[in-house]
N, C-alpha and C. Protein backbone atom coordinates (compact mmCIF):
# COMPACT_ATOMS: atom_id res chain seq x y z
N MET A 1 10.82 -5.47 -0.10
CA MET A 1 11.22 -4.09 -0.01
C MET A 1 10.39 -3.27 -1.01
N ILE A 2 10.00 -2.09 -0.62
CA ILE A 2 9.27 -1.21 -1.52
C ILE A 2 10.26 -0.61 -2.52
N LYS A 3 9.99 -0.85 -3.80
CA LYS A 3 10.89 -0.37 -4.86
C LYS A 3 10.34 0.84 -5.60
N SER A 4 9.01 0.97 -5.72
CA SER A 4 8.48 2.12 -6.46
C SER A 4 7.09 2.49 -5.98
N PHE A 5 6.78 3.77 -6.13
CA PHE A 5 5.50 4.34 -5.74
C PHE A 5 4.82 4.94 -6.95
N ARG A 6 3.51 4.87 -6.99
CA ARG A 6 2.72 5.63 -7.95
C ARG A 6 2.26 6.94 -7.30
N HIS A 7 2.01 6.91 -6.01
CA HIS A 7 1.47 8.05 -5.28
C HIS A 7 2.62 8.82 -4.62
N LYS A 8 2.88 10.01 -5.11
CA LYS A 8 4.02 10.81 -4.61
C LYS A 8 3.85 11.24 -3.16
N GLY A 9 2.62 11.53 -2.73
CA GLY A 9 2.39 11.90 -1.34
C GLY A 9 2.70 10.75 -0.40
N LEU A 10 2.36 9.54 -0.81
CA LEU A 10 2.66 8.35 -0.02
C LEU A 10 4.16 8.11 0.04
N GLU A 11 4.83 8.32 -1.07
CA GLU A 11 6.29 8.17 -1.12
C GLU A 11 6.95 9.19 -0.18
N ARG A 12 6.48 10.42 -0.21
CA ARG A 12 7.02 11.47 0.66
C ARG A 12 6.79 11.10 2.13
N PHE A 13 5.60 10.58 2.44
CA PHE A 13 5.30 10.15 3.81
C PHE A 13 6.25 9.03 4.24
N PHE A 14 6.49 8.06 3.37
CA PHE A 14 7.36 6.94 3.67
C PHE A 14 8.81 7.38 3.90
N ILE A 15 9.29 8.28 3.07
CA ILE A 15 10.69 8.69 3.13
C ILE A 15 10.93 9.79 4.18
N GLN A 16 10.05 10.79 4.20
CA GLN A 16 10.28 11.97 5.03
C GLN A 16 9.36 12.09 6.23
N GLY A 17 8.26 11.31 6.24
CA GLY A 17 7.29 11.44 7.32
C GLY A 17 6.30 12.58 7.12
N SER A 18 6.35 13.23 5.96
CA SER A 18 5.45 14.35 5.67
C SER A 18 4.03 13.84 5.41
N LYS A 19 3.06 14.46 6.05
CA LYS A 19 1.66 14.07 5.86
C LYS A 19 1.01 14.82 4.70
N LYS A 20 1.76 15.71 4.06
CA LYS A 20 1.24 16.42 2.90
C LYS A 20 1.01 15.41 1.78
N GLY A 21 -0.22 15.36 1.29
CA GLY A 21 -0.53 14.44 0.21
C GLY A 21 -1.23 13.17 0.65
N ILE A 22 -1.40 12.97 1.97
CA ILE A 22 -2.16 11.83 2.48
C ILE A 22 -3.23 12.35 3.44
N GLN A 23 -4.19 11.53 3.76
CA GLN A 23 -5.17 11.87 4.77
C GLN A 23 -4.48 11.78 6.13
N PRO A 24 -4.37 12.87 6.89
CA PRO A 24 -3.66 12.83 8.17
C PRO A 24 -4.20 11.77 9.14
N LYS A 25 -5.50 11.49 9.09
CA LYS A 25 -6.07 10.48 9.99
C LYS A 25 -5.59 9.07 9.64
N HIS A 26 -4.99 8.88 8.47
CA HIS A 26 -4.49 7.57 8.06
C HIS A 26 -3.02 7.36 8.42
N ALA A 27 -2.37 8.37 8.95
CA ALA A 27 -0.92 8.33 9.15
C ALA A 27 -0.46 7.14 9.98
N THR A 28 -1.10 6.88 11.10
CA THR A 28 -0.66 5.78 11.97
C THR A 28 -0.78 4.44 11.27
N ARG A 29 -1.94 4.20 10.66
CA ARG A 29 -2.15 2.92 9.97
C ARG A 29 -1.21 2.79 8.77
N LEU A 30 -1.06 3.87 8.00
CA LEU A 30 -0.16 3.82 6.85
C LEU A 30 1.28 3.53 7.28
N ARG A 31 1.71 4.11 8.38
CA ARG A 31 3.07 3.88 8.86
C ARG A 31 3.29 2.37 9.11
N ILE A 32 2.31 1.74 9.74
CA ILE A 32 2.39 0.30 10.02
C ILE A 32 2.36 -0.49 8.72
N GLN A 33 1.42 -0.17 7.85
CA GLN A 33 1.29 -0.91 6.60
C GLN A 33 2.54 -0.76 5.72
N LEU A 34 3.10 0.42 5.66
CA LEU A 34 4.31 0.62 4.87
C LEU A 34 5.48 -0.15 5.44
N ALA A 35 5.59 -0.22 6.76
CA ALA A 35 6.67 -1.00 7.38
C ALA A 35 6.52 -2.48 7.05
N VAL A 36 5.30 -2.98 7.12
CA VAL A 36 5.06 -4.39 6.79
C VAL A 36 5.35 -4.64 5.31
N LEU A 37 4.86 -3.77 4.43
CA LEU A 37 5.12 -3.94 3.00
C LEU A 37 6.61 -3.86 2.69
N ASN A 38 7.33 -3.02 3.38
CA ASN A 38 8.76 -2.87 3.13
C ASN A 38 9.53 -4.14 3.51
N ASN A 39 8.99 -4.91 4.44
CA ASN A 39 9.64 -6.16 4.85
C ASN A 39 9.04 -7.40 4.19
N ALA A 40 7.94 -7.24 3.48
CA ALA A 40 7.24 -8.38 2.87
C ALA A 40 8.00 -8.93 1.68
N ARG A 41 7.88 -10.24 1.49
CA ARG A 41 8.47 -10.90 0.33
C ARG A 41 7.39 -11.49 -0.58
N SER A 42 6.15 -11.57 -0.06
CA SER A 42 5.03 -12.09 -0.84
C SER A 42 3.72 -11.56 -0.27
N ALA A 43 2.64 -11.78 -0.98
CA ALA A 43 1.33 -11.32 -0.52
C ALA A 43 0.95 -11.97 0.81
N ALA A 44 1.37 -13.17 1.05
CA ALA A 44 1.06 -13.86 2.31
C ALA A 44 1.59 -13.08 3.51
N ASP A 45 2.63 -12.32 3.34
CA ASP A 45 3.22 -11.55 4.44
C ASP A 45 2.37 -10.36 4.85
N VAL A 46 1.39 -9.98 4.04
CA VAL A 46 0.51 -8.86 4.37
C VAL A 46 -0.95 -9.29 4.49
N ALA A 47 -1.17 -10.55 4.71
CA ALA A 47 -2.53 -11.11 4.75
C ALA A 47 -3.14 -11.04 6.14
N LEU A 48 -3.10 -9.89 6.78
CA LEU A 48 -3.76 -9.71 8.07
C LEU A 48 -5.25 -9.55 7.82
N ALA A 49 -6.07 -10.17 8.64
CA ALA A 49 -7.52 -10.18 8.42
C ALA A 49 -8.10 -8.77 8.29
N SER A 50 -7.71 -7.86 9.16
CA SER A 50 -8.29 -6.51 9.14
C SER A 50 -7.85 -5.69 7.92
N TRP A 51 -6.85 -6.14 7.20
CA TRP A 51 -6.38 -5.42 6.02
C TRP A 51 -7.11 -5.84 4.76
N ARG A 52 -7.85 -6.92 4.81
CA ARG A 52 -8.68 -7.42 3.71
C ARG A 52 -7.90 -7.51 2.38
N LEU A 53 -6.76 -8.17 2.44
CA LEU A 53 -5.94 -8.38 1.24
C LEU A 53 -6.74 -9.14 0.19
N HIS A 54 -6.68 -8.66 -1.04
CA HIS A 54 -7.26 -9.41 -2.14
C HIS A 54 -6.57 -9.04 -3.45
N ALA A 55 -6.58 -10.01 -4.36
CA ALA A 55 -6.01 -9.80 -5.69
C ALA A 55 -6.99 -8.99 -6.52
N LEU A 56 -6.46 -8.12 -7.37
CA LEU A 56 -7.30 -7.29 -8.24
C LEU A 56 -7.42 -7.94 -9.61
N THR A 57 -8.44 -7.50 -10.34
CA THR A 57 -8.70 -8.02 -11.67
C THR A 57 -8.77 -6.86 -12.65
N GLY A 58 -9.11 -7.16 -13.87
CA GLY A 58 -9.25 -6.12 -14.88
C GLY A 58 -7.92 -5.48 -15.24
N LYS A 59 -7.89 -4.15 -15.31
CA LYS A 59 -6.67 -3.43 -15.68
C LYS A 59 -5.55 -3.65 -14.67
N LEU A 60 -5.90 -4.02 -13.44
CA LEU A 60 -4.90 -4.19 -12.39
C LEU A 60 -4.66 -5.65 -12.05
N VAL A 61 -4.91 -6.54 -12.98
CA VAL A 61 -4.63 -7.95 -12.73
C VAL A 61 -3.15 -8.10 -12.37
N GLY A 62 -2.86 -8.90 -11.37
CA GLY A 62 -1.49 -9.05 -10.88
C GLY A 62 -1.18 -8.14 -9.70
N HIS A 63 -2.06 -7.20 -9.42
CA HIS A 63 -1.91 -6.30 -8.28
C HIS A 63 -2.75 -6.80 -7.11
N PHE A 64 -2.42 -6.30 -5.93
CA PHE A 64 -3.16 -6.61 -4.71
C PHE A 64 -3.64 -5.32 -4.08
N SER A 65 -4.61 -5.45 -3.19
CA SER A 65 -5.16 -4.31 -2.47
C SER A 65 -5.27 -4.65 -1.00
N ILE A 66 -4.96 -3.66 -0.14
CA ILE A 66 -5.23 -3.79 1.29
C ILE A 66 -5.98 -2.53 1.74
N ALA A 67 -6.84 -2.71 2.73
CA ALA A 67 -7.67 -1.61 3.22
C ALA A 67 -6.88 -0.72 4.16
N VAL A 68 -7.04 0.58 3.98
CA VAL A 68 -6.49 1.56 4.91
C VAL A 68 -7.60 1.99 5.86
N ASP A 69 -8.66 2.56 5.29
CA ASP A 69 -9.79 3.04 6.09
C ASP A 69 -10.94 3.35 5.14
N GLU A 70 -12.14 2.94 5.52
CA GLU A 70 -13.32 3.20 4.70
C GLU A 70 -13.05 2.81 3.25
N ASN A 71 -13.10 3.75 2.33
CA ASN A 71 -12.88 3.46 0.91
C ASN A 71 -11.42 3.53 0.48
N TRP A 72 -10.54 3.92 1.37
CA TRP A 72 -9.13 4.10 1.03
C TRP A 72 -8.39 2.77 1.01
N ARG A 73 -7.55 2.58 -0.02
CA ARG A 73 -6.80 1.34 -0.21
C ARG A 73 -5.36 1.65 -0.62
N LEU A 74 -4.50 0.69 -0.32
CA LEU A 74 -3.17 0.65 -0.91
C LEU A 74 -3.21 -0.44 -1.96
N THR A 75 -2.75 -0.15 -3.17
CA THR A 75 -2.64 -1.16 -4.21
C THR A 75 -1.17 -1.27 -4.61
N PHE A 76 -0.80 -2.47 -5.00
CA PHE A 76 0.62 -2.74 -5.29
C PHE A 76 0.73 -4.09 -5.98
N LYS A 77 1.93 -4.37 -6.47
CA LYS A 77 2.21 -5.70 -6.99
C LYS A 77 3.57 -6.14 -6.49
N PHE A 78 3.76 -7.43 -6.48
CA PHE A 78 5.05 -8.00 -6.11
C PHE A 78 5.81 -8.37 -7.37
N ASN A 79 7.09 -8.09 -7.38
CA ASN A 79 7.97 -8.46 -8.48
C ASN A 79 9.26 -8.98 -7.87
N GLY A 80 9.45 -10.27 -7.92
CA GLY A 80 10.67 -10.87 -7.38
C GLY A 80 10.82 -10.63 -5.88
N GLY A 81 9.74 -10.58 -5.15
CA GLY A 81 9.80 -10.36 -3.71
C GLY A 81 9.83 -8.91 -3.29
N ASP A 82 9.74 -8.00 -4.25
CA ASP A 82 9.72 -6.56 -3.96
C ASP A 82 8.35 -5.97 -4.29
N VAL A 83 7.97 -4.94 -3.56
CA VAL A 83 6.71 -4.23 -3.81
C VAL A 83 6.96 -3.12 -4.82
N GLU A 84 6.11 -3.08 -5.84
CA GLU A 84 6.23 -2.06 -6.87
C GLU A 84 4.88 -1.38 -7.11
N LEU A 85 4.95 -0.21 -7.69
CA LEU A 85 3.77 0.55 -8.10
C LEU A 85 2.78 0.74 -6.95
N LEU A 86 3.31 1.07 -5.79
CA LEU A 86 2.49 1.25 -4.60
C LEU A 86 1.67 2.53 -4.73
N ASP A 87 0.35 2.38 -4.61
CA ASP A 87 -0.55 3.50 -4.79
C ASP A 87 -1.47 3.61 -3.58
N TYR A 88 -1.96 4.80 -3.33
CA TYR A 88 -2.87 5.14 -2.22
C TYR A 88 -4.05 5.83 -2.86
N GLN A 89 -5.24 5.21 -2.75
CA GLN A 89 -6.37 5.77 -3.47
C GLN A 89 -7.70 5.52 -2.80
N ASP A 90 -8.63 6.40 -3.11
CA ASP A 90 -10.01 6.29 -2.66
C ASP A 90 -10.78 5.59 -3.77
N TYR A 91 -11.30 4.41 -3.49
CA TYR A 91 -11.97 3.61 -4.52
C TYR A 91 -13.28 4.22 -5.00
N HIS A 92 -13.88 5.13 -4.25
CA HIS A 92 -15.21 5.64 -4.64
C HIS A 92 -15.22 7.15 -4.70
């Protein structure tokens, strides 16, 4: 279950469906990814090939990333089977 967000626009999209604060062209894919993350209990539950799941290093060690589109990613970590610190960002 998603427990916390870093990105307020993504949180608003998840709760209210508002596209304010996200790239509108990402809405369909984000809706699917958020539903999967909300039901996930571990990183293996979101390991779809096209999402390019990978563990992060450096300041974000312990976090994971999945691809949304082009340079856009969702980053998050699992804590006791829950998703925390969910962020939506352009890597470049």
